[in-house]
Amino acid sequence: MITIYHNNRCSKSREGLCFLEDAKVEIEIVNYLEKSPKKREIKSLLKKLKYKPLELVRQKETIWIQNFKGKDLNDEEIIDAMVKYPTLIERPIIVNGNKAVIARPKERILEIL
């Protein structure tokens, strides 16, 4: 089963979901803005993505700019920010087993199918 961390208001996220539906794969949709991922879940995603926490942050988001930009934050503090403000999490994240990609562009999904 493929998991998509999805925000329906985001066009890139909708494109990723359509791509998966067209691929006829079984999909689990995680609406991460409705139920914020826990710290351990974000750490697991980072490991699968092979990302450092800052690489998963949407650094142009107003919340980031107003509250965190320019501060010397460690990885734990960045993860805590994503837990508190899930809109900071880059999207869409597509997970297949122990691999994951940020589907920008949506064709990156092919890397893990």
N, C-alpha and C. Protein backbone atom coordinates (compact mmCIF):
# COMPACT_ATOMS: atom_id res chain seq x y z
N MET A 1 0.84 -1.18 0.00
CA MET A 1 0.00 0.00 0.00
C MET A 1 0.88 1.24 0.00
N ILE A 2 0.46 2.24 -0.77
CA ILE A 2 1.16 3.51 -0.87
C ILE A 2 0.44 4.51 0.04
N THR A 3 1.20 5.27 0.79
CA THR A 3 0.64 6.29 1.66
C THR A 3 0.98 7.66 1.09
N ILE A 4 -0.01 8.55 1.08
CA ILE A 4 0.22 9.92 0.66
C ILE A 4 -0.16 10.84 1.81
N TYR A 5 0.79 11.69 2.19
CA TYR A 5 0.52 12.75 3.16
C TYR A 5 0.00 13.91 2.33
N HIS A 6 -1.29 14.17 2.49
CA HIS A 6 -2.05 14.95 1.52
C HIS A 6 -2.69 16.18 2.13
N ASN A 7 -2.68 17.26 1.34
CA ASN A 7 -3.41 18.48 1.67
C ASN A 7 -4.27 18.78 0.46
N ASN A 8 -5.56 18.60 0.57
CA ASN A 8 -6.46 18.75 -0.57
C ASN A 8 -6.47 20.17 -1.13
N ARG A 9 -6.06 21.15 -0.35
CA ARG A 9 -6.04 22.53 -0.84
C ARG A 9 -4.80 22.83 -1.68
N CYS A 10 -3.87 21.90 -1.74
CA CYS A 10 -2.62 22.08 -2.48
C CYS A 10 -2.72 21.40 -3.85
N SER A 11 -2.49 22.16 -4.92
CA SER A 11 -2.59 21.59 -6.27
C SER A 11 -1.57 20.49 -6.50
N LYS A 12 -0.36 20.64 -5.97
CA LYS A 12 0.66 19.60 -6.15
C LYS A 12 0.26 18.31 -5.43
N SER A 13 -0.37 18.45 -4.29
CA SER A 13 -0.83 17.29 -3.55
C SER A 13 -1.96 16.59 -4.31
N ARG A 14 -2.89 17.36 -4.85
CA ARG A 14 -3.98 16.79 -5.64
C ARG A 14 -3.43 16.08 -6.87
N GLU A 15 -2.43 16.68 -7.51
CA GLU A 15 -1.79 16.05 -8.68
C GLU A 15 -1.16 14.71 -8.29
N GLY A 16 -0.49 14.68 -7.15
CA GLY A 16 0.13 13.44 -6.69
C GLY A 16 -0.91 12.36 -6.42
N LEU A 17 -2.03 12.73 -5.81
CA LEU A 17 -3.09 11.77 -5.54
C LEU A 17 -3.68 11.24 -6.84
N CYS A 18 -3.93 12.11 -7.81
CA CYS A 18 -4.45 11.68 -9.12
C CYS A 18 -3.47 10.73 -9.81
N PHE A 19 -2.18 11.04 -9.70
CA PHE A 19 -1.14 10.19 -10.29
C PHE A 19 -1.22 8.78 -9.70
N LEU A 20 -1.37 8.70 -8.38
CA LEU A 20 -1.48 7.39 -7.72
C LEU A 20 -2.76 6.67 -8.12
N GLU A 21 -3.87 7.41 -8.19
CA GLU A 21 -5.13 6.80 -8.60
C GLU A 21 -5.04 6.25 -10.02
N ASP A 22 -4.40 7.01 -10.91
CA ASP A 22 -4.21 6.55 -12.30
C ASP A 22 -3.31 5.32 -12.37
N ALA A 23 -2.39 5.20 -11.41
CA ALA A 23 -1.47 4.05 -11.38
C ALA A 23 -2.16 2.80 -10.83
N LYS A 24 -3.40 2.97 -10.35
CA LYS A 24 -4.21 1.85 -9.85
C LYS A 24 -3.53 1.12 -8.70
N VAL A 25 -2.94 1.88 -7.79
CA VAL A 25 -2.33 1.30 -6.61
C VAL A 25 -3.24 1.53 -5.41
N GLU A 26 -3.10 0.68 -4.41
CA GLU A 26 -3.87 0.86 -3.18
C GLU A 26 -3.28 2.03 -2.41
N ILE A 27 -4.14 2.97 -2.01
CA ILE A 27 -3.68 4.22 -1.41
C ILE A 27 -4.28 4.41 -0.03
N GLU A 28 -3.42 4.83 0.90
CA GLU A 28 -3.87 5.32 2.19
C GLU A 28 -3.61 6.82 2.19
N ILE A 29 -4.67 7.60 2.44
CA ILE A 29 -4.54 9.05 2.45
C ILE A 29 -4.45 9.53 3.89
N VAL A 30 -3.38 10.27 4.18
CA VAL A 30 -3.20 10.86 5.50
C VAL A 30 -3.41 12.37 5.35
N ASN A 31 -4.51 12.86 5.87
CA ASN A 31 -4.79 14.30 5.87
C ASN A 31 -4.07 14.91 7.06
N TYR A 32 -2.79 15.18 6.88
CA TYR A 32 -1.92 15.55 8.00
C TYR A 32 -2.25 16.91 8.60
N LEU A 33 -3.03 17.74 7.92
CA LEU A 33 -3.43 19.01 8.52
C LEU A 33 -4.55 18.83 9.52
N GLU A 34 -5.36 17.77 9.33
CA GLU A 34 -6.44 17.47 10.26
C GLU A 34 -5.93 16.79 11.52
N LYS A 35 -4.95 15.92 11.35
CA LYS A 35 -4.36 15.20 12.48
C LYS A 35 -2.84 15.27 12.31
N SER A 36 -2.23 16.20 13.03
CA SER A 36 -0.81 16.45 12.90
C SER A 36 0.00 15.20 13.21
N PRO A 37 1.00 14.90 12.36
CA PRO A 37 1.86 13.74 12.65
C PRO A 37 2.60 13.93 13.98
N LYS A 38 2.79 12.85 14.68
CA LYS A 38 3.57 12.86 15.92
C LYS A 38 5.05 12.98 15.56
N LYS A 39 5.83 13.31 16.57
CA LYS A 39 7.26 13.49 16.39
C LYS A 39 7.93 12.24 15.80
N ARG A 40 7.57 11.08 16.32
CA ARG A 40 8.20 9.84 15.83
C ARG A 40 7.82 9.56 14.37
N GLU A 41 6.61 9.98 13.97
CA GLU A 41 6.18 9.79 12.58
C GLU A 41 6.99 10.70 11.65
N ILE A 42 7.22 11.93 12.06
CA ILE A 42 8.03 12.84 11.25
C ILE A 42 9.46 12.32 11.15
N LYS A 43 10.00 11.82 12.25
CA LYS A 43 11.36 11.26 12.22
C LYS A 43 11.43 10.06 11.27
N SER A 44 10.40 9.24 11.27
CA SER A 44 10.35 8.09 10.35
C SER A 44 10.30 8.57 8.90
N LEU A 45 9.49 9.58 8.62
CA LEU A 45 9.43 10.13 7.26
C LEU A 45 10.78 10.69 6.84
N LEU A 46 11.44 11.41 7.74
CA LEU A 46 12.76 11.97 7.42
C LEU A 46 13.75 10.87 7.06
N LYS A 47 13.71 9.78 7.80
CA LYS A 47 14.61 8.66 7.52
C LYS A 47 14.32 8.06 6.15
N LYS A 48 13.04 7.87 5.84
CA LYS A 48 12.66 7.30 4.54
C LYS A 48 13.00 8.24 3.38
N LEU A 49 12.86 9.53 3.63
CA LEU A 49 13.18 10.53 2.60
C LEU A 49 14.68 10.76 2.47
N LYS A 50 15.43 10.39 3.54
CA LYS A 50 16.86 10.68 3.64
C LYS A 50 17.08 12.20 3.64
N TYR A 51 16.24 12.88 4.43
CA TYR A 51 16.27 14.34 4.57
C TYR A 51 16.70 14.72 5.97
N LYS A 52 17.27 15.91 6.07
CA LYS A 52 17.45 16.56 7.35
C LYS A 52 16.15 17.32 7.62
N PRO A 53 15.80 17.56 8.88
CA PRO A 53 14.52 18.21 9.17
C PRO A 53 14.26 19.50 8.39
N LEU A 54 15.25 20.36 8.25
CA LEU A 54 15.03 21.62 7.56
C LEU A 54 14.63 21.41 6.10
N GLU A 55 15.08 20.31 5.49
CA GLU A 55 14.74 20.03 4.10
C GLU A 55 13.26 19.71 3.91
N LEU A 56 12.58 19.34 4.98
CA LEU A 56 11.16 19.00 4.92
C LEU A 56 10.27 20.21 5.21
N VAL A 57 10.88 21.31 5.59
CA VAL A 57 10.12 22.51 5.97
C VAL A 57 9.83 23.38 4.74
N ARG A 58 8.59 23.86 4.69
CA ARG A 58 8.19 24.85 3.68
C ARG A 58 8.63 26.22 4.22
N GLN A 59 9.83 26.64 3.83
CA GLN A 59 10.45 27.81 4.42
C GLN A 59 9.86 29.14 3.96
N LYS A 60 8.95 29.10 2.99
CA LYS A 60 8.30 30.33 2.53
C LYS A 60 6.94 30.53 3.20
N GLU A 61 6.54 29.58 4.05
CA GLU A 61 5.29 29.71 4.79
C GLU A 61 5.38 30.87 5.78
N THR A 62 4.31 31.61 5.91
CA THR A 62 4.27 32.76 6.82
C THR A 62 4.63 32.35 8.25
N ILE A 63 4.12 31.21 8.70
CA ILE A 63 4.42 30.74 10.07
C ILE A 63 5.92 30.59 10.26
N TRP A 64 6.61 30.02 9.28
CA TRP A 64 8.06 29.84 9.37
C TRP A 64 8.76 31.20 9.42
N ILE A 65 8.39 32.07 8.49
CA ILE A 65 9.04 33.38 8.39
C ILE A 65 8.86 34.17 9.69
N GLN A 66 7.64 34.18 10.22
CA GLN A 66 7.35 34.99 11.41
C GLN A 66 7.92 34.41 12.70
N ASN A 67 8.02 33.09 12.78
CA ASN A 67 8.39 32.47 14.05
C ASN A 67 9.77 31.82 14.10
N PHE A 68 10.32 31.41 12.95
CA PHE A 68 11.51 30.58 12.99
C PHE A 68 12.67 31.04 12.11
N LYS A 69 12.38 31.76 11.05
CA LYS A 69 13.42 32.15 10.10
C LYS A 69 14.52 32.96 10.81
N GLY A 70 15.76 32.58 10.50
CA GLY A 70 16.90 33.29 11.06
C GLY A 70 17.31 32.83 12.44
N LYS A 71 16.52 31.95 13.05
CA LYS A 71 16.88 31.44 14.37
C LYS A 71 17.79 30.22 14.22
N ASP A 72 18.65 30.01 15.19
CA ASP A 72 19.56 28.87 15.18
C ASP A 72 18.86 27.70 15.86
N LEU A 73 18.10 26.94 15.07
CA LEU A 73 17.32 25.82 15.60
C LEU A 73 18.03 24.50 15.37
N ASN A 74 17.97 23.62 16.36
CA ASN A 74 18.52 22.28 16.15
C ASN A 74 17.44 21.40 15.51
N ASP A 75 17.82 20.19 15.12
CA ASP A 75 16.88 19.30 14.42
C ASP A 75 15.63 19.02 15.24
N GLU A 76 15.78 18.82 16.54
CA GLU A 76 14.62 18.53 17.39
C GLU A 76 13.65 19.71 17.42
N GLU A 77 14.18 20.91 17.47
CA GLU A 77 13.33 22.11 17.48
C GLU A 77 12.59 22.27 16.15
N ILE A 78 13.24 21.93 15.06
CA ILE A 78 12.60 22.02 13.75
C ILE A 78 11.48 20.98 13.66
N ILE A 79 11.74 19.77 14.14
CA ILE A 79 10.71 18.73 14.14
C ILE A 79 9.54 19.15 15.03
N ASP A 80 9.83 19.71 16.19
CA ASP A 80 8.78 20.20 17.09
C ASP A 80 7.92 21.26 16.39
N ALA A 81 8.55 22.12 15.60
CA ALA A 81 7.80 23.15 14.86
C ALA A 81 6.85 22.50 13.86
N MET A 82 7.29 21.43 13.19
CA MET A 82 6.43 20.75 12.22
C MET A 82 5.27 20.04 12.91
N VAL A 83 5.51 19.51 14.11
CA VAL A 83 4.43 18.88 14.87
C VAL A 83 3.39 19.93 15.26
N LYS A 84 3.86 21.07 15.73
CA LYS A 84 2.95 22.13 16.18
C LYS A 84 2.24 22.80 15.01
N TYR A 85 2.96 22.98 13.91
CA TYR A 85 2.43 23.66 12.72
C TYR A 85 2.59 22.76 11.49
N PRO A 86 1.69 21.81 11.30
CA PRO A 86 1.85 20.86 10.19
C PRO A 86 1.83 21.51 8.80
N THR A 87 1.35 22.74 8.69
CA THR A 87 1.41 23.42 7.38
C THR A 87 2.85 23.65 6.94
N LEU A 88 3.80 23.54 7.87
CA LEU A 88 5.21 23.70 7.53
C LEU A 88 5.78 22.50 6.79
N ILE A 89 5.07 21.38 6.82
CA ILE A 89 5.58 20.15 6.21
C ILE A 89 5.40 20.20 4.69
N GLU A 90 6.50 19.96 3.98
CA GLU A 90 6.46 19.92 2.52
C GLU A 90 5.49 18.83 2.06
N ARG A 91 4.90 19.02 0.91
CA ARG A 91 3.89 18.09 0.43
C ARG A 91 3.93 17.99 -1.08
N PRO A 92 3.36 16.93 -1.60
CA PRO A 92 2.89 15.73 -0.91
C PRO A 92 4.04 14.76 -0.68
N ILE A 93 3.97 14.06 0.43
CA ILE A 93 4.94 13.01 0.73
C ILE A 93 4.29 11.69 0.35
N ILE A 94 4.98 10.91 -0.46
CA ILE A 94 4.50 9.60 -0.89
C ILE A 94 5.42 8.56 -0.28
N VAL A 95 4.82 7.56 0.40
CA VAL A 95 5.60 6.53 1.08
C VAL A 95 5.22 5.16 0.53
N ASN A 96 6.25 4.38 0.24
CA ASN A 96 6.07 2.99 -0.16
C ASN A 96 7.07 2.17 0.63
N GLY A 97 6.58 1.51 1.68
CA GLY A 97 7.47 0.72 2.54
C GLY A 97 8.47 1.60 3.24
N ASN A 98 9.77 1.34 2.99
CA ASN A 98 10.81 2.12 3.67
C ASN A 98 11.39 3.22 2.77
N LYS A 99 10.67 3.55 1.70
CA LYS A 99 11.10 4.61 0.79
C LYS A 99 10.04 5.69 0.73
N ALA A 100 10.48 6.92 0.50
CA ALA A 100 9.54 8.03 0.38
C ALA A 100 10.13 9.09 -0.54
N VAL A 101 9.23 9.87 -1.15
CA VAL A 101 9.64 11.01 -1.97
C VAL A 101 8.67 12.16 -1.72
N ILE A 102 9.15 13.35 -1.98
CA ILE A 102 8.29 14.52 -2.09
C ILE A 102 7.92 14.57 -3.57
N ALA A 103 6.64 14.47 -3.88
CA ALA A 103 6.19 14.34 -5.27
C ALA A 103 6.10 15.70 -5.96
N ARG A 104 7.22 16.35 -6.09
CA ARG A 104 7.35 17.61 -6.83
C ARG A 104 8.53 17.45 -7.76
N PRO A 105 8.33 17.17 -9.00
CA PRO A 105 7.06 16.98 -9.68
C PRO A 105 6.47 15.61 -9.38
N LYS A 106 5.24 15.42 -9.79
CA LYS A 106 4.51 14.19 -9.46
C LYS A 106 5.20 12.94 -10.01
N GLU A 107 5.97 13.08 -11.08
CA GLU A 107 6.65 11.94 -11.68
C GLU A 107 7.69 11.32 -10.76
N ARG A 108 8.08 12.04 -9.71
CA ARG A 108 9.03 11.48 -8.74
C ARG A 108 8.44 10.24 -8.06
N ILE A 109 7.12 10.12 -8.07
CA ILE A 109 6.47 8.95 -7.48
C ILE A 109 6.98 7.67 -8.12
N LEU A 110 7.31 7.72 -9.39
CA LEU A 110 7.81 6.53 -10.10
C LEU A 110 9.07 5.97 -9.45
N GLU A 111 9.83 6.80 -8.76
CA GLU A 111 11.07 6.36 -8.12
C GLU A 111 10.82 5.31 -7.04
N ILE A 112 9.61 5.28 -6.48
CA ILE A 112 9.36 4.35 -5.37
C ILE A 112 8.24 3.35 -5.66
N LEU A 113 7.66 3.39 -6.83
CA LEU A 113 6.61 2.41 -7.16
C LEU A 113 7.21 1.07 -7.55
